[in-house]
C-alpha atoms as a PDB file:
ATOM      1  CA  MET A   1      80.271 102.936 123.979  1.00  0.00           C
ATOM      2  CA  SER A   2      78.148 100.517 122.136  1.00  0.00           C
ATOM      3  CA  GLY A   3      79.448  97.207 120.643  1.00  0.00           C
ATOM      4  CA  ARG A   4      78.088  98.108 117.070  1.00  0.00           C
ATOM      5  CA  TYR A   5      79.767 101.418 116.952  1.00  0.00           C
ATOM      6  CA  TYR A   6      83.186 100.084 117.908  1.00  0.00           C
ATOM      7  CA  SER A   7      83.026  97.157 115.522  1.00  0.00           C
ATOM      8  CA  LYS A   8      82.172  99.513 112.685  1.00  0.00           C
ATOM      9  CA  ARG A   9      85.190 101.641 113.717  1.00  0.00           C
ATOM     10  CA  ILE A  10      87.561  98.720 113.653  1.00  0.00           C
ATOM     11  CA  LYS A  11      86.323  97.720 110.213  1.00  0.00           C
ATOM     12  CA  ASP A  12      87.021 101.541 108.978  1.00  0.00           C
ATOM     13  CA  ILE A  13      90.441 101.444 110.417  1.00  0.00           C
ATOM     14  CA  MET A  14      91.253  98.186 108.792  1.00  0.00           C
ATOM     15  CA  GLU A  15      89.949  99.251 105.462  1.00  0.00           C
ATOM     16  CA  LYS A  16      92.050 102.546 105.523  1.00  0.00           C
ATOM     17  CA  ALA A  17      95.032 100.541 106.399  1.00  0.00           C
ATOM     18  CA  GLU A  18      94.644  98.282 103.478  1.00  0.00           C
ATOM     19  CA  LYS A  19      94.328 101.252 101.037  1.00  0.00           C
ATOM     20  CA  ALA A  20      97.421 102.993 102.470  1.00  0.00           C
ATOM     21  CA  ARG A  21      99.614  99.983 101.895  1.00  0.00           C
ATOM     22  CA  GLY A  22      99.116  99.883  98.301  1.00  0.00           C
ATOM     23  CA  ASN A  23      99.471  96.898  96.038  1.00  0.00           C
ATOM     24  CA  ARG A  24     103.084  97.703  94.727  1.00  0.00           C
ATOM     25  CA  SER A  25     105.283  94.575  94.795  1.00  0.00           C
ATOM     26  CA  ARG A  26     108.811  94.895  96.262  1.00  0.00           C
ATOM     27  CA  PRO A  27     111.890  93.423  94.589  1.00  0.00           C
ATOM     28  CA  LYS A  28     113.437  90.423  96.404  1.00  0.00           C
ATOM     29  CA  THR A  29     116.431  90.942  98.185  1.00  0.00           C
ATOM     30  CA  PHE A  30     119.217  88.873  99.604  1.00  0.00           C
ATOM     31  CA  LYS A  31     122.419  89.040 101.970  1.00  0.00           C
ATOM     32  CA  SER A  32     124.688  87.182  99.431  1.00  0.00           C
ATOM     33  CA  LYS A  33     125.166  86.522  95.607  1.00  0.00           C
ATOM     34  CA  GLU A  34     124.983  82.894  96.221  1.00  0.00           C
ATOM     35  CA  LEU A  35     121.539  83.118  97.898  1.00  0.00           C
ATOM     36  CA  ALA A  36     120.239  85.215  95.047  1.00  0.00           C
ATOM     37  CA  LYS A  37     121.528  82.780  92.576  1.00  0.00           C
ATOM     38  CA  ALA A  38     120.030  79.862  94.187  1.00  0.00           C
ATOM     39  CA  TRP A  39     116.415  81.516  94.392  1.00  0.00           C
ATOM     40  CA  ALA A  40     116.879  82.659  90.780  1.00  0.00           C
ATOM     41  CA  ASP A  41     117.717  78.817  89.879  1.00  0.00           C
ATOM     42  CA  LYS A  42     114.750  77.665  91.975  1.00  0.00           C
ATOM     43  CA  ASN A  43     112.146  79.994  90.559  1.00  0.00           C
ATOM     44  CA  LYS A  44     113.328  79.441  87.133  1.00  0.00           C
ATOM     45  CA  VAL A  45     114.253  83.168  86.197  1.00  0.00           C
ATOM     46  CA  LYS A  46     116.799  83.287  83.345  1.00  0.00           C
ATOM     47  CA  ASP A  47     117.487  86.984  82.489  1.00  0.00           C
ATOM     48  CA  TYR A  48     118.545  88.774  85.687  1.00  0.00           C
ATOM     49  CA  THR A  49     121.045  91.111  86.956  1.00  0.00           C
ATOM     50  CA  LEU A  50     122.342  91.452  90.584  1.00  0.00           C
ATOM     51  CA  LYS A  51     122.437  95.121  91.945  1.00  0.00           C
ATOM     52  CA  ASN A  52     124.220  96.087  95.232  1.00  0.00           C
ATOM     53  CA  LEU A  53     122.012  98.263  97.388  1.00  0.00           C
ATOM     54  CA  LYS A  54     124.550  98.979 100.072  1.00  0.00           C
ATOM     55  CA  ASN A  55     128.329  99.255 100.380  1.00  0.00           C
ATOM     56  CA  PRO A  56     130.286  96.500 102.024  1.00  0.00           C
ATOM     57  CA  PRO A  57     130.363  95.011 104.638  1.00  0.00           C
ATOM     58  CA  ASN A  58     126.527  95.600 104.745  1.00  0.00           C
ATOM     59  CA  ASN A  59     125.734  93.889 101.630  1.00  0.00           C
ATOM     60  CA  LYS A  60     122.148  93.869 100.334  1.00  0.00           C
ATOM     61  CA  ILE A  61     121.590  92.560  96.838  1.00  0.00           C
ATOM     62  CA  VAL A  62     118.352  92.722  94.653  1.00  0.00           C
ATOM     63  CA  ILE A  63     117.556  90.521  91.688  1.00  0.00           C
ATOM     64  CA  VAL A  64     116.727  92.949  88.718  1.00  0.00           C
ATOM     65  CA  THR A  65     114.812  90.880  85.995  1.00  0.00           C
ATOM     66  CA  LYS A  66     115.107  91.973  82.378  1.00  0.00           C
ATOM     67  CA  THR A  67     111.549  91.969  80.660  1.00  0.00           C
END
C-alpha cells in the first residue's frame, strides 16, 4: 500500500469522526449538591436549578440554567 493512499484514508476517517460527534454541548454533571453549588459560584452562574438524574445512592446532579 502506498504511503499517500494510507495518509488520505486516515484523514478521511478523522473528518468523518469529527462530523459524527456533532457540536452539541452537554450539561455539566456533579456527584453532590455541594460540588454543583461551588462550581456555580466559581463560574458566576446566578439563576440555576439542580436536577437529580439518578435515584439514591447513585446520585448524579446536573445544573439547569434559567435563561
